[in-house]
Protein backbone atom coordinates (compact mmCIF):
# COMPACT_ATOMS: atom_id res chain seq x y z
CA MET A 1 84.25 33.09 -8.26
CA ARG A 2 85.47 35.81 -5.88
CA ILE A 3 83.83 38.54 -7.97
CA THR A 4 80.51 36.69 -8.00
CA SER A 5 80.64 36.19 -4.21
CA ALA A 6 81.49 39.86 -3.69
CA LEU A 7 78.60 40.96 -5.93
CA VAL A 8 76.14 38.67 -4.12
CA LEU A 9 77.33 39.97 -0.74
CA ALA A 10 77.06 43.60 -1.86
CA LEU A 11 73.56 43.03 -3.21
CA ALA A 12 72.49 41.31 0.02
CA VAL A 13 73.77 44.26 2.08
CA LEU A 14 71.90 46.76 -0.11
CA VAL A 15 68.65 44.77 0.11
CA GLY A 16 69.10 44.42 3.88
CA LEU A 17 69.53 48.17 4.30
CA GLN A 18 66.38 48.86 2.26
CA VAL A 19 64.29 46.32 4.19
CA SER A 20 65.62 47.64 7.51
CA SER A 21 64.67 51.24 6.69
CA VAL A 22 61.15 50.24 5.61
CA LEU A 23 60.61 48.12 8.72
CA THR A 24 61.86 50.95 10.93
CA ALA A 25 59.48 53.41 9.26
CA GLN A 26 56.54 51.03 9.60
CA GLY A 27 57.35 49.71 13.02
CA SER A 28 56.72 52.49 15.48
CA PRO A 29 54.08 55.20 15.75
CA GLY A 30 56.84 57.69 16.55
CA GLY A 31 58.92 56.73 13.50
CA THR A 32 59.63 59.11 10.68
CA GLN A 33 56.82 57.63 8.59
CA PRO A 34 54.20 56.17 10.96
CA LEU A 35 51.71 55.74 8.12
CA VAL A 36 53.92 53.80 5.70
CA GLY A 37 52.20 50.75 4.27
CA THR A 38 49.01 49.74 2.52
CA TRP A 39 45.74 50.52 4.28
CA GLN A 40 42.29 49.18 3.38
CA LEU A 41 39.29 51.45 3.93
CA VAL A 42 36.92 50.18 6.64
CA ASP A 43 34.60 53.12 7.29
CA LEU A 44 33.91 56.48 5.63
CA GLU A 45 31.82 59.48 6.66
CA ARG A 46 31.36 62.72 4.71
CA GLY A 47 29.57 66.02 5.12
CA MET A 48 29.72 69.75 4.54
CA PRO A 49 31.25 72.08 7.15
CA THR A 50 27.82 73.21 8.40
CA GLN A 51 26.29 69.71 8.45
CA PRO A 52 26.93 66.60 10.55
CA LEU A 53 28.90 63.75 9.01
CA SER A 54 26.89 60.94 7.45
CA ARG A 55 28.11 57.41 6.80
CA VAL A 56 28.91 56.44 3.20
CA ALA A 57 27.31 53.12 2.29
CA ASN A 58 29.61 50.26 1.26
CA PRO A 59 32.91 52.18 1.08
CA VAL A 60 35.79 50.43 -0.67
CA GLY A 61 39.24 51.91 -0.92
CA ILE A 62 42.96 51.52 -0.60
CA LEU A 63 45.70 53.90 0.48
CA THR A 64 49.35 53.07 -0.14
CA GLN A 65 52.07 55.25 1.35
CA SER A 66 55.70 54.35 0.70
CA ALA A 67 58.79 54.95 2.85
CA ASN A 68 60.15 57.33 0.20
CA GLY A 69 57.14 59.66 0.57
CA TYR A 70 54.93 58.70 -2.38
CA MET A 71 51.24 57.83 -2.04
CA ILE A 72 48.21 56.76 -4.02
CA GLU A 73 44.60 56.52 -2.83
CA THR A 74 41.46 55.19 -4.49
CA VAL A 75 37.99 55.30 -2.89
CA THR A 76 34.64 54.16 -4.27
CA GLN A 77 31.52 52.32 -3.19
CA ALA A 78 30.91 48.59 -3.59
CA ALA A 79 27.87 47.42 -5.51
CA ARG A 80 27.43 50.61 -7.52
CA PRO A 81 24.64 50.03 -10.05
CA ALA A 82 25.60 49.92 -13.71
CA SER A 83 22.82 52.40 -14.43
CA LEU A 84 24.68 55.35 -12.84
CA THR A 85 25.10 58.41 -15.02
CA ALA A 86 28.60 59.70 -15.75
CA ALA A 87 28.14 62.42 -13.12
CA GLU A 88 27.01 59.88 -10.50
CA ARG A 89 30.00 57.64 -11.28
CA PHE A 90 32.31 60.63 -10.92
CA MET A 91 30.76 61.56 -7.55
CA THR A 92 31.14 58.02 -6.15
CA TYR A 93 34.78 57.46 -7.16
CA ARG A 94 37.86 59.35 -6.02
CA GLY A 95 41.47 58.78 -6.86
CA HIS A 96 44.65 60.77 -6.39
CA TRP A 97 48.41 60.34 -6.11
CA GLY A 98 51.41 62.39 -5.14
CA THR A 99 53.68 62.77 -2.14
CA PHE A 100 53.12 63.04 1.59
CA THR A 101 54.93 64.23 4.68
CA VAL A 102 54.14 63.40 8.29
CA ASP A 103 54.30 65.83 11.19
CA ALA A 104 54.24 63.43 14.15
CA SER A 105 54.08 66.33 16.63
CA GLN A 106 50.58 67.27 15.41
CA PRO A 107 49.89 64.35 14.42
CA ALA A 108 49.13 65.37 10.87
CA VAL A 109 49.90 64.23 7.35
CA SER A 110 50.20 66.64 4.41
CA TYR A 111 49.31 65.37 0.95
CA HIS A 112 50.74 67.12 -2.10
CA ILE A 113 48.51 66.12 -5.02
CA GLU A 114 50.34 65.53 -8.29
CA GLY A 115 47.38 63.91 -10.07
CA HIS A 116 43.68 63.60 -9.30
CA LEU A 117 40.57 62.25 -10.98
CA ASP A 118 39.26 65.84 -10.65
CA PRO A 119 41.83 67.96 -12.55
CA GLY A 120 40.88 70.97 -10.40
CA ARG A 121 42.48 69.31 -7.38
CA THR A 122 45.83 68.58 -9.06
CA GLY A 123 48.58 70.69 -7.53
CA GLN A 124 46.72 71.22 -4.26
CA ARG A 125 47.95 70.38 -0.80
CA PHE A 126 45.71 69.21 2.01
CA VAL A 127 46.30 68.16 5.60
CA ARG A 128 44.60 65.35 7.47
CA LEU A 129 44.85 64.77 11.19
CA PHE A 130 45.43 61.10 11.97
CA GLN A 131 45.22 58.72 14.90
CA ARG A 132 46.83 55.26 15.04
CA PHE A 133 45.19 52.62 17.18
CA THR A 134 44.91 48.85 17.45
CA THR A 135 41.69 46.84 17.47
CA SER A 136 41.79 43.05 17.86
CA SER A 137 45.59 43.23 17.45
CA GLU A 138 45.13 44.82 14.01
CA PRO A 139 46.73 48.21 13.34
CA ARG A 140 44.31 50.91 12.19
CA ILE A 141 44.39 54.59 11.34
CA ARG A 142 41.65 57.18 11.49
CA ARG A 143 42.03 60.30 9.33
CA ARG A 144 39.98 63.49 9.36
CA LEU A 145 39.95 66.11 6.63
CA ALA A 146 38.41 69.52 7.14
CA GLY A 147 38.13 71.02 3.69
CA ARG A 148 36.99 74.40 2.55
CA SER A 149 34.79 73.82 -0.47
CA TYR A 150 35.15 70.04 -0.50
CA GLY A 151 33.54 69.44 2.88
CA ILE A 152 34.80 67.24 5.65
CA SER A 153 35.40 63.53 5.92
CA ARG A 154 36.50 60.94 8.44
CA SER A 155 37.85 57.57 7.39
CA THR A 156 39.08 54.47 9.20
CA ALA A 157 41.47 52.01 7.56
CA ARG A 158 43.30 48.82 8.53
CA ARG A 159 46.40 47.04 7.28
């Protein structure tokens, strides 16, 4: 009975420490991981460096960033017609995963891509500037990517 109680207590302490570290990372904009959590895409704009950004119709996406530095992001468009060619499907769907680090002094987040729908992007690193804000008591983030050959984008997401 004592061994079982000790094991239950030890397990509860370990779970409590894990939950506490995740809540600390998520809780404050100045925390070590201010972007930890799951974010749903609300708005997306894209363009080339020499052109103005244009709004992407019906964006749908999810970004998950964990307290241990791993991330996965998927972005597409809702109501894509079934008649799209393979190239059109490829151009309207993006997905990648890997690790991320946050530089809160910038504020910037660096993504280290370990896998991507486009194999040419695997192994790359890119940096997005971010801004946290609250609208209608709902946390949101806005990220901006200035790419070389991939163009630029600005996205807004909510929890």
